[in-house]
Amino acid sequence: MLKDKPCAANIAVTDIARARTFYESTLGLELEREVMGSVLVFKSGGTSLIVYPSEFAATNKATSASWSVGDDIEEIVANLKAKGVAFEHYEGIGTLDGDIHVAGPMKMVWLKDPDGNILHFNNG
């Protein structure tokens, strides 16, 4: 029923202008459109990331969105670090090589947006 339908990640934020700056300027996502005056739809590969204001922003303690970035993971981490992004470090997930968690062939990083939403990149 849904297997051939597009899906999008939804990110709740408290400050839409601050979020727009982070997702556009820091992460480099392209704003596809703005809906209803305060909902931002960013293009990310073949999918969309929807950022919207909510009183429930910053209540999720789990990963909100994930990207598979392939062999570009080290370059992406370096670029984001140069922009002042801090990466999360989690116990029990492989070994830490700088800010990158390594578990066998998998390389993974986590970071938070300005509202504390957890974002994940991996080389998968």
N, C-alpha and C. Protein backbone atom coordinates (compact mmCIF):
# COMPACT_ATOMS: atom_id res chain seq x y z
N MET A 1 0.82 -1.19 0.00
CA MET A 1 0.00 0.00 0.00
C MET A 1 0.88 1.27 0.00
N LEU A 2 1.88 1.37 0.89
CA LEU A 2 2.69 2.58 0.97
C LEU A 2 4.10 2.40 0.43
N LYS A 3 4.48 1.19 0.04
CA LYS A 3 5.86 0.90 -0.32
C LYS A 3 6.40 1.74 -1.47
N ASP A 4 5.55 2.24 -2.35
CA ASP A 4 5.99 3.05 -3.48
C ASP A 4 5.70 4.53 -3.30
N LYS A 5 5.29 4.92 -2.11
CA LYS A 5 4.94 6.32 -1.84
C LYS A 5 6.09 7.02 -1.14
N PRO A 6 6.32 8.30 -1.46
CA PRO A 6 7.40 9.03 -0.79
C PRO A 6 7.11 9.22 0.69
N CYS A 7 8.17 9.34 1.47
CA CYS A 7 8.06 9.55 2.91
C CYS A 7 8.98 10.72 3.26
N ALA A 8 8.64 11.44 4.32
CA ALA A 8 9.46 12.57 4.75
C ALA A 8 9.70 12.50 6.25
N ALA A 9 10.83 13.05 6.69
CA ALA A 9 11.10 13.20 8.12
C ALA A 9 10.53 14.53 8.57
N ASN A 10 9.99 14.58 9.79
CA ASN A 10 9.41 15.80 10.35
C ASN A 10 10.18 16.20 11.59
N ILE A 11 10.59 17.46 11.66
CA ILE A 11 11.38 17.97 12.76
C ILE A 11 10.63 19.15 13.40
N ALA A 12 10.30 19.02 14.68
CA ALA A 12 9.62 20.09 15.42
C ALA A 12 10.66 21.04 16.00
N VAL A 13 10.42 22.35 15.86
CA VAL A 13 11.36 23.36 16.36
C VAL A 13 10.60 24.46 17.09
N THR A 14 11.32 25.22 17.91
CA THR A 14 10.70 26.33 18.62
C THR A 14 10.83 27.64 17.88
N ASP A 15 11.89 27.80 17.10
CA ASP A 15 12.17 29.05 16.40
C ASP A 15 12.43 28.74 14.93
N ILE A 16 11.45 29.01 14.09
CA ILE A 16 11.53 28.61 12.68
C ILE A 16 12.64 29.36 11.94
N ALA A 17 12.88 30.63 12.28
CA ALA A 17 13.95 31.39 11.62
C ALA A 17 15.32 30.81 11.97
N ARG A 18 15.53 30.50 13.24
CA ARG A 18 16.79 29.90 13.67
C ARG A 18 16.98 28.53 13.01
N ALA A 19 15.91 27.76 12.94
CA ALA A 19 15.98 26.43 12.31
C ALA A 19 16.29 26.56 10.82
N ARG A 20 15.68 27.54 10.16
CA ARG A 20 15.94 27.74 8.73
C ARG A 20 17.42 28.02 8.50
N THR A 21 18.01 28.87 9.32
CA THR A 21 19.43 29.18 9.20
C THR A 21 20.27 27.92 9.39
N PHE A 22 19.95 27.12 10.41
CA PHE A 22 20.71 25.90 10.67
C PHE A 22 20.59 24.91 9.51
N TYR A 23 19.38 24.62 9.07
CA TYR A 23 19.20 23.59 8.04
C TYR A 23 19.68 24.05 6.67
N GLU A 24 19.55 25.36 6.37
CA GLU A 24 20.04 25.88 5.09
C GLU A 24 21.54 26.15 5.12
N SER A 25 21.97 26.98 6.06
CA SER A 25 23.36 27.44 6.05
C SER A 25 24.33 26.43 6.65
N THR A 26 23.97 25.82 7.76
CA THR A 26 24.89 24.89 8.41
C THR A 26 24.90 23.54 7.71
N LEU A 27 23.72 22.95 7.51
CA LEU A 27 23.66 21.63 6.87
C LEU A 27 23.67 21.69 5.35
N GLY A 28 23.37 22.85 4.78
CA GLY A 28 23.42 23.00 3.33
C GLY A 28 22.23 22.42 2.58
N LEU A 29 21.10 22.27 3.27
CA LEU A 29 19.90 21.76 2.59
C LEU A 29 19.26 22.88 1.78
N GLU A 30 18.60 22.49 0.69
CA GLU A 30 17.92 23.45 -0.18
C GLU A 30 16.46 23.56 0.23
N LEU A 31 16.03 24.81 0.49
CA LEU A 31 14.62 25.03 0.82
C LEU A 31 13.81 24.84 -0.46
N GLU A 32 12.92 23.86 -0.43
CA GLU A 32 12.09 23.55 -1.59
C GLU A 32 10.86 24.46 -1.63
N ARG A 33 10.26 24.65 -0.45
CA ARG A 33 9.10 25.53 -0.37
C ARG A 33 8.76 25.82 1.08
N GLU A 34 8.01 26.92 1.27
CA GLU A 34 7.50 27.27 2.58
C GLU A 34 5.98 27.14 2.50
N VAL A 35 5.40 26.46 3.48
CA VAL A 35 3.97 26.16 3.47
C VAL A 35 3.31 26.81 4.68
N MET A 36 2.17 27.37 4.52
CA MET A 36 1.37 27.94 5.60
C MET A 36 2.15 28.99 6.40
N GLY A 37 3.14 29.61 5.78
CA GLY A 37 3.87 30.70 6.41
C GLY A 37 4.93 30.30 7.42
N SER A 38 4.92 29.06 7.90
CA SER A 38 5.91 28.71 8.92
C SER A 38 6.38 27.25 8.85
N VAL A 39 6.01 26.53 7.82
CA VAL A 39 6.47 25.16 7.65
C VAL A 39 7.46 25.16 6.49
N LEU A 40 8.66 24.67 6.76
CA LEU A 40 9.72 24.66 5.76
C LEU A 40 9.91 23.24 5.24
N VAL A 41 9.96 23.11 3.94
CA VAL A 41 10.19 21.81 3.31
C VAL A 41 11.53 21.89 2.59
N PHE A 42 12.49 21.13 3.10
CA PHE A 42 13.83 21.10 2.52
C PHE A 42 13.98 19.86 1.66
N LYS A 43 14.71 20.00 0.57
CA LYS A 43 15.05 18.90 -0.32
C LYS A 43 16.31 18.24 0.22
N SER A 44 16.28 16.92 0.34
CA SER A 44 17.45 16.18 0.79
C SER A 44 17.50 14.88 0.01
N GLY A 45 18.34 14.85 -1.00
CA GLY A 45 18.37 13.68 -1.87
C GLY A 45 17.03 13.51 -2.54
N GLY A 46 16.46 12.32 -2.47
CA GLY A 46 15.16 12.06 -3.08
C GLY A 46 14.01 12.20 -2.10
N THR A 47 14.27 12.76 -0.92
CA THR A 47 13.23 12.88 0.09
C THR A 47 13.12 14.33 0.56
N SER A 48 12.23 14.53 1.50
CA SER A 48 12.03 15.86 2.07
C SER A 48 12.22 15.83 3.57
N LEU A 49 12.67 16.94 4.11
CA LEU A 49 12.76 17.15 5.54
C LEU A 49 11.84 18.32 5.85
N ILE A 50 10.83 18.06 6.66
CA ILE A 50 9.84 19.07 6.98
C ILE A 50 10.15 19.61 8.37
N VAL A 51 10.35 20.93 8.46
CA VAL A 51 10.66 21.60 9.72
C VAL A 51 9.48 22.50 10.04
N TYR A 52 8.93 22.34 11.23
CA TYR A 52 7.72 23.08 11.58
C TYR A 52 7.76 23.51 13.05
N PRO A 53 7.11 24.63 13.37
CA PRO A 53 7.07 25.08 14.77
C PRO A 53 6.09 24.23 15.58
N SER A 54 6.49 23.94 16.82
CA SER A 54 5.64 23.15 17.69
C SER A 54 5.97 23.42 19.14
N GLU A 55 4.95 23.44 19.97
CA GLU A 55 5.17 23.58 21.40
C GLU A 55 5.83 22.33 21.99
N PHE A 56 5.86 21.25 21.24
CA PHE A 56 6.46 20.00 21.70
C PHE A 56 7.90 19.82 21.20
N ALA A 57 8.46 20.84 20.58
CA ALA A 57 9.84 20.77 20.09
C ALA A 57 10.77 20.47 21.26
N ALA A 58 11.85 19.80 20.95
CA ALA A 58 12.91 19.48 21.91
C ALA A 58 12.49 18.47 22.97
N THR A 59 11.43 17.71 22.72
CA THR A 59 11.03 16.69 23.67
C THR A 59 11.44 15.28 23.24
N ASN A 60 11.87 15.13 22.00
CA ASN A 60 12.28 13.83 21.48
C ASN A 60 13.72 13.55 21.90
N LYS A 61 13.96 12.43 22.51
CA LYS A 61 15.31 12.05 22.92
C LYS A 61 15.89 10.95 22.02
N ALA A 62 15.24 10.71 20.91
CA ALA A 62 15.70 9.71 19.95
C ALA A 62 16.08 10.41 18.64
N THR A 63 16.71 9.68 17.74
CA THR A 63 17.10 10.23 16.45
C THR A 63 15.86 10.66 15.67
N SER A 64 15.91 11.88 15.13
CA SER A 64 14.79 12.44 14.37
C SER A 64 14.93 12.20 12.87
N ALA A 65 16.15 12.22 12.36
CA ALA A 65 16.38 12.03 10.93
C ALA A 65 17.77 11.44 10.73
N SER A 66 17.91 10.63 9.69
CA SER A 66 19.20 10.00 9.37
C SER A 66 19.53 10.18 7.91
N TRP A 67 20.81 10.33 7.62
CA TRP A 67 21.29 10.42 6.26
C TRP A 67 22.36 9.37 6.04
N SER A 68 22.33 8.69 4.91
CA SER A 68 23.42 7.81 4.48
C SER A 68 24.29 8.65 3.55
N VAL A 69 25.51 8.92 3.97
CA VAL A 69 26.36 9.85 3.23
C VAL A 69 27.56 9.17 2.57
N GLY A 70 27.66 7.87 2.71
CA GLY A 70 28.73 7.12 2.06
C GLY A 70 30.11 7.53 2.52
N ASP A 71 31.05 7.51 1.57
CA ASP A 71 32.44 7.80 1.88
C ASP A 71 32.70 9.27 2.19
N ASP A 72 31.70 10.13 2.07
CA ASP A 72 31.86 11.56 2.36
C ASP A 72 31.77 11.87 3.84
N ILE A 73 31.59 10.87 4.69
CA ILE A 73 31.33 11.13 6.10
C ILE A 73 32.43 11.95 6.76
N GLU A 74 33.71 11.63 6.52
CA GLU A 74 34.80 12.38 7.15
C GLU A 74 34.79 13.84 6.71
N GLU A 75 34.60 14.08 5.42
CA GLU A 75 34.56 15.44 4.89
C GLU A 75 33.37 16.22 5.45
N ILE A 76 32.23 15.58 5.54
CA ILE A 76 31.04 16.23 6.09
C ILE A 76 31.26 16.60 7.56
N VAL A 77 31.82 15.68 8.32
CA VAL A 77 32.09 15.94 9.74
C VAL A 77 33.06 17.12 9.87
N ALA A 78 34.13 17.13 9.08
CA ALA A 78 35.10 18.22 9.13
C ALA A 78 34.46 19.56 8.78
N ASN A 79 33.64 19.57 7.74
CA ASN A 79 32.97 20.81 7.32
C ASN A 79 32.01 21.32 8.40
N LEU A 80 31.25 20.42 8.99
CA LEU A 80 30.31 20.83 10.03
C LEU A 80 31.04 21.29 11.29
N LYS A 81 32.12 20.60 11.63
CA LYS A 81 32.92 20.99 12.80
C LYS A 81 33.48 22.40 12.59
N ALA A 82 33.92 22.71 11.37
CA ALA A 82 34.44 24.04 11.05
C ALA A 82 33.36 25.11 11.18
N LYS A 83 32.10 24.71 11.06
CA LYS A 83 30.98 25.64 11.22
C LYS A 83 30.52 25.72 12.67
N GLY A 84 31.22 25.03 13.55
CA GLY A 84 30.90 25.10 14.97
C GLY A 84 29.95 24.03 15.48
N VAL A 85 29.64 23.04 14.66
CA VAL A 85 28.74 21.97 15.09
C VAL A 85 29.48 21.05 16.07
N ALA A 86 28.83 20.73 17.17
CA ALA A 86 29.37 19.78 18.15
C ALA A 86 28.70 18.43 17.91
N PHE A 87 29.48 17.38 18.01
CA PHE A 87 28.96 16.04 17.78
C PHE A 87 28.73 15.33 19.11
N GLU A 88 27.73 14.48 19.12
CA GLU A 88 27.38 13.68 20.30
C GLU A 88 28.26 12.44 20.34
N HIS A 89 28.60 11.99 21.52
CA HIS A 89 29.37 10.75 21.70
C HIS A 89 28.56 9.84 22.61
N TYR A 90 28.34 8.62 22.17
CA TYR A 90 27.51 7.66 22.90
C TYR A 90 28.33 6.45 23.30
N GLU A 91 28.20 6.05 24.54
CA GLU A 91 28.87 4.85 25.04
C GLU A 91 28.29 3.60 24.39
N GLY A 92 29.14 2.63 24.13
CA GLY A 92 28.68 1.32 23.67
C GLY A 92 28.38 1.22 22.19
N ILE A 93 28.68 2.27 21.42
CA ILE A 93 28.47 2.21 19.97
C ILE A 93 29.83 2.24 19.30
N GLY A 94 30.41 1.07 19.11
CA GLY A 94 31.72 0.96 18.47
C GLY A 94 32.79 1.69 19.25
N THR A 95 33.84 2.10 18.53
CA THR A 95 34.92 2.88 19.13
C THR A 95 34.86 4.28 18.54
N LEU A 96 35.37 5.23 19.28
CA LEU A 96 35.33 6.62 18.84
C LEU A 96 36.65 6.98 18.17
N ASP A 97 36.56 7.45 16.93
CA ASP A 97 37.72 7.94 16.17
C ASP A 97 37.46 9.42 15.92
N GLY A 98 37.95 10.28 16.79
CA GLY A 98 37.59 11.70 16.74
C GLY A 98 36.13 11.83 17.15
N ASP A 99 35.30 12.31 16.24
CA ASP A 99 33.87 12.42 16.51
C ASP A 99 33.06 11.31 15.84
N ILE A 100 33.74 10.41 15.15
CA ILE A 100 33.07 9.36 14.39
C ILE A 100 33.09 8.05 15.17
N HIS A 101 31.92 7.47 15.37
CA HIS A 101 31.81 6.14 15.97
C HIS A 101 32.08 5.12 14.87
N VAL A 102 32.96 4.16 15.15
CA VAL A 102 33.30 3.13 14.17
C VAL A 102 32.95 1.77 14.74
N ALA A 103 32.12 1.03 14.02
CA ALA A 103 31.72 -0.32 14.41
C ALA A 103 31.88 -1.21 13.18
N GLY A 104 33.03 -1.88 13.09
CA GLY A 104 33.31 -2.66 11.88
C GLY A 104 33.40 -1.71 10.70
N PRO A 105 32.68 -2.01 9.62
CA PRO A 105 32.73 -1.12 8.46
C PRO A 105 31.84 0.13 8.60
N MET A 106 30.99 0.15 9.63
CA MET A 106 30.07 1.28 9.81
C MET A 106 30.76 2.46 10.49
N LYS A 107 30.52 3.64 9.95
CA LYS A 107 30.97 4.89 10.55
C LYS A 107 29.71 5.73 10.78
N MET A 108 29.60 6.29 12.00
CA MET A 108 28.36 7.00 12.37
C MET A 108 28.67 8.22 13.20
N VAL A 109 27.87 9.28 13.01
CA VAL A 109 27.95 10.47 13.86
C VAL A 109 26.54 10.92 14.19
N TRP A 110 26.45 11.60 15.33
CA TRP A 110 25.19 12.21 15.75
C TRP A 110 25.47 13.65 16.14
N LEU A 111 24.52 14.52 15.87
CA LEU A 111 24.60 15.91 16.27
C LEU A 111 23.20 16.38 16.60
N LYS A 112 23.13 17.55 17.23
CA LYS A 112 21.82 18.12 17.57
C LYS A 112 21.62 19.43 16.84
N ASP A 113 20.38 19.68 16.42
CA ASP A 113 20.04 20.98 15.85
C ASP A 113 19.86 21.96 17.01
N PRO A 114 19.58 23.24 16.74
CA PRO A 114 19.47 24.22 17.83
C PRO A 114 18.39 23.89 18.87
N ASP A 115 17.41 23.06 18.53
CA ASP A 115 16.36 22.68 19.48
C ASP A 115 16.66 21.36 20.18
N GLY A 116 17.79 20.75 19.88
CA GLY A 116 18.14 19.49 20.51
C GLY A 116 17.65 18.26 19.76
N ASN A 117 17.08 18.44 18.57
CA ASN A 117 16.69 17.28 17.76
C ASN A 117 17.95 16.54 17.32
N ILE A 118 17.95 15.23 17.49
CA ILE A 118 19.13 14.43 17.17
C ILE A 118 19.10 14.02 15.70
N LEU A 119 20.20 14.34 15.02
CA LEU A 119 20.37 14.02 13.60
C LEU A 119 21.53 13.05 13.48
N HIS A 120 21.46 12.14 12.52
CA HIS A 120 22.43 11.04 12.40
C HIS A 120 22.91 10.94 10.96
N PHE A 121 24.22 10.75 10.81
CA PHE A 121 24.82 10.47 9.50
C PHE A 121 25.59 9.17 9.62
N ASN A 122 25.56 8.37 8.54
CA ASN A 122 26.37 7.15 8.52
C ASN A 122 26.90 6.92 7.13
N ASN A 123 27.85 6.03 7.01
CA ASN A 123 28.45 5.74 5.71
C ASN A 123 27.76 4.58 4.99
N GLY A 124 26.61 4.17 5.50
CA GLY A 124 25.89 3.02 4.94
C GLY A 124 25.31 3.20 3.58
